[in-house]
Amino acid sequence: MPNAPAPADTGRPPADGPARRHTVIVATALACAGLAAVAGCSAASSSSAASPGPAAKATAAATGGPSVTSAPPAPTPTPSTPAATGPTAAVPTLGRPAGVFAHGTGFGQVKPAKIFNGGDPTGLVTHVVWTSWGSARAVATGVSDYVGPNQSVAAGTEETATVVAFDLGTCDGELMYQAVEWYFPQHGQAFDASRYENICTGTYVPSP
């Protein structure tokens, strides 16, 4: 029986030959590699988002706890401005140096500790301590020369006297007590508003 002729060489391997198997294997490997790469990237991204970075880990290790973001400092409080106050009320003086009292002592002052009208010792009051000031009348105690009935000034003695400043008002635009008088209650004397020194005009009332 004659030999069968060999099949013609087409230059292509059979359909189920080694080349087809090689192609399938390479394609499968590439697909797996691609899936692995994608899965690896996703895993890496998830790991980076979930895990703290090196700086955070170093901070946590140094402080013994997780890193904490510091809160901004509280604003410094602004000091309050004190409320404005009104003008200070004027304080009256004890008259003023004028007329026969121009060279006296204590006139034109606030709460003077000594009053002297410039005359004899009966016109001098020392150690004056005021118990009130600024109201319609100002009252004080002091020491002055008491001269009894039918006595001379030379025979007078120093005793406690009550001083009263009154007639509060303005004299030439200045607030002052315009009258002053002192007396000795222990000798039966009392305040007499009709007899005083007018320390606005510098005269005695009534005049001597």
C-alpha atoms as a PDB file:
ATOM      1  CA  MET A   1       0.000   0.000   0.000  1.00  0.00           C
ATOM      2  CA  PRO A   2       1.513   3.248  -1.042  1.00  0.00           C
ATOM      3  CA  ASN A   3       2.380   5.774   1.667  1.00  0.00           C
ATOM      4  CA  ALA A   4      -0.170   8.573   2.278  1.00  0.00           C
ATOM      5  CA  PRO A   5       1.084  11.939   1.322  1.00  0.00           C
ATOM      6  CA  ALA A   6       2.221  14.131   4.255  1.00  0.00           C
ATOM      7  CA  PRO A   7      -0.125  16.947   5.137  1.00  0.00           C
ATOM      8  CA  ALA A   8       0.759  20.288   3.643  1.00  0.00           C
ATOM      9  CA  ASP A   9       2.777  22.627   5.899  1.00  0.00           C
ATOM     10  CA  THR A  10       0.640  25.735   6.403  1.00  0.00           C
ATOM     11  CA  GLY A  11       3.080  27.449   8.780  1.00  0.00           C
ATOM     12  CA  ARG A  12       0.536  27.416  11.677  1.00  0.00           C
ATOM     13  CA  PRO A  13       0.603  25.002  14.571  1.00  0.00           C
ATOM     14  CA  PRO A  14      -2.367  22.856  15.109  1.00  0.00           C
ATOM     15  CA  ALA A  15      -5.256  24.430  16.973  1.00  0.00           C
ATOM     16  CA  ASP A  16      -4.542  22.487  20.079  1.00  0.00           C
ATOM     17  CA  GLY A  17      -0.791  22.720  19.841  1.00  0.00           C
ATOM     18  CA  PRO A  18       1.797  24.118  22.288  1.00  0.00           C
ATOM     19  CA  ALA A  19       1.539  27.684  20.955  1.00  0.00           C
ATOM     20  CA  ARG A  20      -2.150  27.955  21.952  1.00  0.00           C
ATOM     21  CA  ARG A  21      -1.420  26.654  25.380  1.00  0.00           C
ATOM     22  CA  HIS A  22       1.409  29.195  25.753  1.00  0.00           C
ATOM     23  CA  THR A  23      -0.884  32.058  24.735  1.00  0.00           C
ATOM     24  CA  VAL A  24      -3.543  31.054  27.249  1.00  0.00           C
ATOM     25  CA  ILE A  25      -0.991  30.737  30.041  1.00  0.00           C
ATOM     26  CA  VAL A  26       0.534  34.196  29.323  1.00  0.00           C
ATOM     27  CA  ALA A  27      -2.890  35.884  29.158  1.00  0.00           C
ATOM     28  CA  THR A  28      -3.951  34.267  32.414  1.00  0.00           C
ATOM     29  CA  ALA A  29      -0.734  35.357  34.102  1.00  0.00           C
ATOM     30  CA  LEU A  30      -1.171  38.952  32.957  1.00  0.00           C
ATOM     31  CA  ALA A  31      -4.768  39.047  34.170  1.00  0.00           C
ATOM     32  CA  CYS A  32      -3.750  37.727  37.569  1.00  0.00           C
ATOM     33  CA  ALA A  33      -0.901  40.199  37.762  1.00  0.00           C
ATOM     34  CA  GLY A  34      -3.295  43.070  36.976  1.00  0.00           C
ATOM     35  CA  LEU A  35      -5.763  41.972  39.603  1.00  0.00           C
ATOM     36  CA  ALA A  36      -2.994  41.592  42.142  1.00  0.00           C
ATOM     37  CA  ALA A  37      -1.685  45.066  41.338  1.00  0.00           C
ATOM     38  CA  VAL A  38      -5.136  46.610  41.702  1.00  0.00           C
ATOM     39  CA  ALA A  39      -5.792  44.754  44.912  1.00  0.00           C
ATOM     40  CA  GLY A  40      -2.378  45.737  46.209  1.00  0.00           C
ATOM     41  CA  CYS A  41      -2.949  49.433  45.468  1.00  0.00           C
ATOM     42  CA  SER A  42      -6.338  49.363  47.176  1.00  0.00           C
ATOM     43  CA  ALA A  43      -4.859  47.615  50.159  1.00  0.00           C
ATOM     44  CA  ALA A  44      -1.990  50.073  50.317  1.00  0.00           C
ATOM     45  CA  SER A  45      -4.379  53.055  50.132  1.00  0.00           C
ATOM     46  CA  SER A  46      -6.595  51.635  52.863  1.00  0.00           C
ATOM     47  CA  SER A  47      -3.540  50.877  54.991  1.00  0.00           C
ATOM     48  CA  SER A  48      -2.181  54.444  54.540  1.00  0.00           C
ATOM     49  CA  ALA A  49      -5.496  56.018  55.488  1.00  0.00           C
ATOM     50  CA  ALA A  50      -5.969  53.828  58.545  1.00  0.00           C
ATOM     51  CA  SER A  51      -2.433  53.876  59.909  1.00  0.00           C
ATOM     52  CA  PRO A  52      -0.798  57.030  61.367  1.00  0.00           C
ATOM     53  CA  GLY A  53       2.320  58.313  59.683  1.00  0.00           C
ATOM     54  CA  PRO A  54       5.810  58.171  61.156  1.00  0.00           C
ATOM     55  CA  ALA A  55       5.513  61.623  62.751  1.00  0.00           C
ATOM     56  CA  ALA A  56       2.279  60.684  64.526  1.00  0.00           C
ATOM     57  CA  LYS A  57       3.825  57.434  65.730  1.00  0.00           C
ATOM     58  CA  ALA A  58       6.884  59.289  67.038  1.00  0.00           C
ATOM     59  CA  THR A  59       4.668  61.807  68.872  1.00  0.00           C
ATOM     60  CA  ALA A  60       2.604  59.040  70.401  1.00  0.00           C
ATOM     61  CA  ALA A  61       5.729  57.204  71.504  1.00  0.00           C
ATOM     62  CA  ALA A  62       7.234  60.336  73.094  1.00  0.00           C
ATOM     63  CA  THR A  63       4.124  61.396  74.979  1.00  0.00           C
ATOM     64  CA  GLY A  64       2.838  57.975  75.875  1.00  0.00           C
ATOM     65  CA  GLY A  65      -0.450  58.500  74.054  1.00  0.00           C
ATOM     66  CA  PRO A  66      -1.968  59.445  70.739  1.00  0.00           C
ATOM     67  CA  SER A  67      -1.051  62.719  69.151  1.00  0.00           C
ATOM     68  CA  VAL A  68      -3.508  65.566  69.917  1.00  0.00           C
ATOM     69  CA  THR A  69      -4.025  68.730  67.936  1.00  0.00           C
ATOM     70  CA  SER A  70      -3.619  71.765  70.234  1.00  0.00           C
ATOM     71  CA  ALA A  71      -6.609  74.086  70.560  1.00  0.00           C
ATOM     72  CA  PRO A  72      -6.036  77.751  69.628  1.00  0.00           C
ATOM     73  CA  PRO A  73      -5.190  79.988  72.630  1.00  0.00           C
ATOM     74  CA  ALA A  74      -8.105  81.774  74.252  1.00  0.00           C
ATOM     75  CA  PRO A  75      -8.319  85.490  73.389  1.00  0.00           C
ATOM     76  CA  THR A  76      -6.946  87.878  75.989  1.00  0.00           C
ATOM     77  CA  PRO A  77      -9.849  89.696  77.674  1.00  0.00           C
ATOM     78  CA  THR A  78      -9.993  93.414  77.071  1.00  0.00           C
ATOM     79  CA  PRO A  79      -9.973  95.406  80.344  1.00  0.00           C
ATOM     80  CA  SER A  80     -13.220  97.180  80.941  1.00  0.00           C
ATOM     81  CA  THR A  81     -13.252 100.929  80.835  1.00  0.00           C
ATOM     82  CA  PRO A  82     -14.336 102.500  84.147  1.00  0.00           C
ATOM     83  CA  ALA A  83     -17.595 104.366  84.009  1.00  0.00           C
ATOM     84  CA  ALA A  84     -17.259 108.087  83.667  1.00  0.00           C
ATOM     85  CA  THR A  85     -18.082 110.079  86.763  1.00  0.00           C
ATOM     86  CA  GLY A  86     -19.705 113.449  86.980  1.00  0.00           C
ATOM     87  CA  PRO A  87     -17.980 116.638  88.087  1.00  0.00           C
ATOM     88  CA  THR A  88     -16.908 116.822  91.740  1.00  0.00           C
ATOM     89  CA  ALA A  89     -19.214 118.936  93.885  1.00  0.00           C
ATOM     90  CA  ALA A  90     -17.690 122.160  95.181  1.00  0.00           C
ATOM     91  CA  VAL A  91     -16.531 122.129  98.810  1.00  0.00           C
ATOM     92  CA  PRO A  92     -17.269 125.312 100.751  1.00  0.00           C
ATOM     93  CA  THR A  93     -14.573 127.280 102.556  1.00  0.00           C
ATOM     94  CA  LEU A  94     -14.843 129.192 105.806  1.00  0.00           C
ATOM     95  CA  GLY A  95     -15.485 132.630 104.288  1.00  0.00           C
ATOM     96  CA  ARG A  96     -12.476 134.483 102.899  1.00  0.00           C
ATOM     97  CA  PRO A  97      -9.829 136.911 104.149  1.00  0.00           C
ATOM     98  CA  ALA A  98     -11.590 140.265 103.705  1.00  0.00           C
ATOM     99  CA  GLY A  99     -12.225 143.568 105.487  1.00  0.00           C
ATOM    100  CA  VAL A 100     -11.153 143.560 109.130  1.00  0.00           C
ATOM    101  CA  PHE A 101     -10.395 139.826 108.806  1.00  0.00           C
ATOM    102  CA  ALA A 102      -8.036 140.244 105.840  1.00  0.00           C
ATOM    103  CA  HIS A 103      -5.046 139.342 107.997  1.00  0.00           C
ATOM    104  CA  GLY A 104      -6.829 136.685 110.015  1.00  0.00           C
ATOM    105  CA  THR A 105      -6.221 132.938 110.089  1.00  0.00           C
ATOM    106  CA  GLY A 106      -8.367 130.088 108.757  1.00  0.00           C
ATOM    107  CA  PHE A 107     -10.567 132.177 106.485  1.00  0.00           C
ATOM    108  CA  GLY A 108     -10.758 130.901 102.923  1.00  0.00           C
ATOM    109  CA  GLN A 109      -9.866 127.382 104.117  1.00  0.00           C
ATOM    110  CA  VAL A 110     -11.768 124.090 104.336  1.00  0.00           C
ATOM    111  CA  LYS A 111     -12.174 122.843 107.910  1.00  0.00           C
ATOM    112  CA  PRO A 112      -9.481 125.092 109.410  1.00  0.00           C
ATOM    113  CA  ALA A 113      -7.922 123.908 112.671  1.00  0.00           C
ATOM    114  CA  LYS A 114      -7.352 127.478 113.821  1.00  0.00           C
ATOM    115  CA  ILE A 115      -9.480 130.600 113.461  1.00  0.00           C
ATOM    116  CA  PHE A 116      -8.306 134.084 114.335  1.00  0.00           C
ATOM    117  CA  ASN A 117     -10.028 137.323 113.432  1.00  0.00           C
ATOM    118  CA  GLY A 118      -6.902 139.391 114.084  1.00  0.00           C
ATOM    119  CA  GLY A 119      -8.184 141.091 117.259  1.00  0.00           C
ATOM    120  CA  ASP A 120      -7.701 140.297 120.955  1.00  0.00           C
ATOM    121  CA  PRO A 121      -7.467 136.755 122.430  1.00  0.00           C
ATOM    122  CA  THR A 122     -11.262 136.398 122.480  1.00  0.00           C
ATOM    123  CA  GLY A 123     -11.135 136.347 118.657  1.00  0.00           C
ATOM    124  CA  LEU A 124      -8.859 133.276 118.591  1.00  0.00           C
ATOM    125  CA  VAL A 125     -10.010 129.634 118.550  1.00  0.00           C
ATOM    126  CA  THR A 126      -7.450 126.822 118.450  1.00  0.00           C
ATOM    127  CA  HIS A 127      -7.614 123.008 118.334  1.00  0.00           C
ATOM    128  CA  VAL A 128     -10.714 123.244 116.158  1.00  0.00           C
ATOM    129  CA  VAL A 129     -12.234 119.834 115.303  1.00  0.00           C
ATOM    130  CA  TRP A 130     -15.160 119.864 112.881  1.00  0.00           C
ATOM    131  CA  THR A 131     -17.919 117.298 113.342  1.00  0.00           C
ATOM    132  CA  SER A 132     -19.774 118.372 110.186  1.00  0.00           C
ATOM    133  CA  TRP A 133     -18.990 120.224 106.969  1.00  0.00           C
ATOM    134  CA  GLY A 134     -20.807 120.949 103.744  1.00  0.00           C
ATOM    135  CA  SER A 135     -24.387 121.128 105.066  1.00  0.00           C
ATOM    136  CA  ALA A 136     -26.290 124.312 105.903  1.00  0.00           C
ATOM    137  CA  ARG A 137     -24.319 124.571 109.149  1.00  0.00           C
ATOM    138  CA  ALA A 138     -20.882 123.259 110.059  1.00  0.00           C
ATOM    139  CA  VAL A 139     -20.202 122.603 113.735  1.00  0.00           C
ATOM    140  CA  ALA A 140     -16.895 122.195 115.600  1.00  0.00           C
ATOM    141  CA  THR A 141     -15.355 122.335 119.042  1.00  0.00           C
ATOM    142  CA  GLY A 142     -12.233 124.294 119.934  1.00  0.00           C
ATOM    143  CA  VAL A 143     -10.476 126.225 122.685  1.00  0.00           C
ATOM    144  CA  SER A 144     -10.909 129.976 123.100  1.00  0.00           C
ATOM    145  CA  ASP A 145     -10.557 132.698 125.741  1.00  0.00           C
ATOM    146  CA  TYR A 146     -13.647 133.038 127.897  1.00  0.00           C
ATOM    147  CA  VAL A 147     -14.225 136.412 129.526  1.00  0.00           C
ATOM    148  CA  GLY A 148     -17.072 136.501 132.072  1.00  0.00           C
ATOM    149  CA  PRO A 149     -19.340 139.399 132.900  1.00  0.00           C
ATOM    150  CA  ASN A 150     -17.501 142.397 134.331  1.00  0.00           C
ATOM    151  CA  GLN A 151     -14.130 140.778 133.596  1.00  0.00           C
ATOM    152  CA  SER A 152     -11.296 142.241 131.621  1.00  0.00           C
ATOM    153  CA  VAL A 153      -9.790 140.380 128.677  1.00  0.00           C
ATOM    154  CA  ALA A 154      -6.620 139.923 130.675  1.00  0.00           C
ATOM    155  CA  ALA A 155      -8.649 137.994 133.280  1.00  0.00           C
ATOM    156  CA  GLY A 156     -10.048 135.582 130.690  1.00  0.00           C
ATOM    157  CA  THR A 157      -9.396 131.826 130.767  1.00  0.00           C
ATOM    158  CA  GLU A 158      -9.039 129.274 127.965  1.00  0.00           C
ATOM    159  CA  GLU A 159     -12.038 126.994 127.792  1.00  0.00           C
ATOM    160  CA  THR A 160     -13.854 124.711 125.373  1.00  0.00           C
ATOM    161  CA  ALA A 161     -16.003 126.577 122.875  1.00  0.00           C
ATOM    162  CA  THR A 162     -18.552 125.535 120.251  1.00  0.00           C
ATOM    163  CA  VAL A 163     -17.954 126.943 116.763  1.00  0.00           C
ATOM    164  CA  VAL A 164     -20.752 127.309 114.205  1.00  0.00           C
ATOM    165  CA  ALA A 165     -20.223 128.264 110.557  1.00  0.00           C
ATOM    166  CA  PHE A 166     -23.466 129.122 108.742  1.00  0.00           C
ATOM    167  CA  ASP A 167     -25.124 131.176 105.984  1.00  0.00           C
ATOM    168  CA  LEU A 168     -23.846 128.818 103.277  1.00  0.00           C
ATOM    169  CA  GLY A 169     -23.906 130.508  99.873  1.00  0.00           C
ATOM    170  CA  THR A 170     -21.807 132.165  97.202  1.00  0.00           C
ATOM    171  CA  CYS A 171     -19.689 135.239  97.720  1.00  0.00           C
ATOM    172  CA  ASP A 172     -18.186 136.679  94.523  1.00  0.00           C
ATOM    173  CA  GLY A 173     -18.969 133.356  92.832  1.00  0.00           C
ATOM    174  CA  GLU A 174     -17.242 131.211  95.483  1.00  0.00           C
ATOM    175  CA  LEU A 175     -19.111 128.745  97.700  1.00  0.00           C
ATOM    176  CA  MET A 176     -18.458 129.467 101.356  1.00  0.00           C
ATOM    177  CA  TYR A 177     -19.868 129.806 104.834  1.00  0.00           C
ATOM    178  CA  GLN A 178     -20.428 133.557 105.024  1.00  0.00           C
ATOM    179  CA  ALA A 179     -20.784 133.748 108.803  1.00  0.00           C
ATOM    180  CA  VAL A 180     -19.105 132.235 111.886  1.00  0.00           C
ATOM    181  CA  GLU A 181     -19.621 132.518 115.631  1.00  0.00           C
ATOM    182  CA  TRP A 182     -18.424 130.666 118.742  1.00  0.00           C
ATOM    183  CA  TYR A 183     -19.788 130.518 122.284  1.00  0.00           C
ATOM    184  CA  PHE A 184     -19.475 128.711 125.628  1.00  0.00           C
ATOM    185  CA  PRO A 185     -22.468 126.443 126.416  1.00  0.00           C
ATOM    186  CA  GLN A 186     -21.038 125.577 129.861  1.00  0.00           C
ATOM    187  CA  HIS A 187     -21.581 129.204 130.856  1.00  0.00           C
ATOM    188  CA  GLY A 188     -25.175 129.286 129.658  1.00  0.00           C
ATOM    189  CA  GLN A 189     -24.394 130.789 126.274  1.00  0.00           C
ATOM    190  CA  ALA A 190     -26.245 129.633 123.104  1.00  0.00           C
ATOM    191  CA  PHE A 191     -25.887 130.128 119.416  1.00  0.00           C
ATOM    192  CA  ASP A 192     -27.210 133.544 118.331  1.00  0.00           C
ATOM    193  CA  ALA A 193     -27.620 133.982 114.575  1.00  0.00           C
ATOM    194  CA  SER A 194     -28.037 137.748 115.054  1.00  0.00           C
ATOM    195  CA  ARG A 195     -24.480 138.201 116.319  1.00  0.00           C
ATOM    196  CA  TYR A 196     -21.648 136.896 114.105  1.00  0.00           C
ATOM    197  CA  GLU A 197     -18.666 137.697 111.925  1.00  0.00           C
ATOM    198  CA  ASN A 198     -19.625 138.275 108.297  1.00  0.00           C
ATOM    199  CA  ILE A 199     -16.680 136.554 106.620  1.00  0.00           C
ATOM    200  CA  CYS A 200     -17.829 137.455 103.119  1.00  0.00           C
ATOM    201  CA  THR A 201     -17.652 141.222 103.607  1.00  0.00           C
ATOM    202  CA  GLY A 202     -15.178 141.171 106.517  1.00  0.00           C
ATOM    203  CA  THR A 203     -17.377 142.929 109.084  1.00  0.00           C
ATOM    204  CA  TYR A 204     -18.974 142.308 112.490  1.00  0.00           C
ATOM    205  CA  VAL A 205     -22.753 141.941 112.862  1.00  0.00           C
ATOM    206  CA  PRO A 206     -23.933 143.991 114.627  1.00  0.00           C
ATOM    207  CA  SER A 207     -21.082 146.398 114.178  1.00  0.00           C
ATOM    208  CA  PRO A 208     -19.263 147.391 117.406  1.00  0.00           C
END
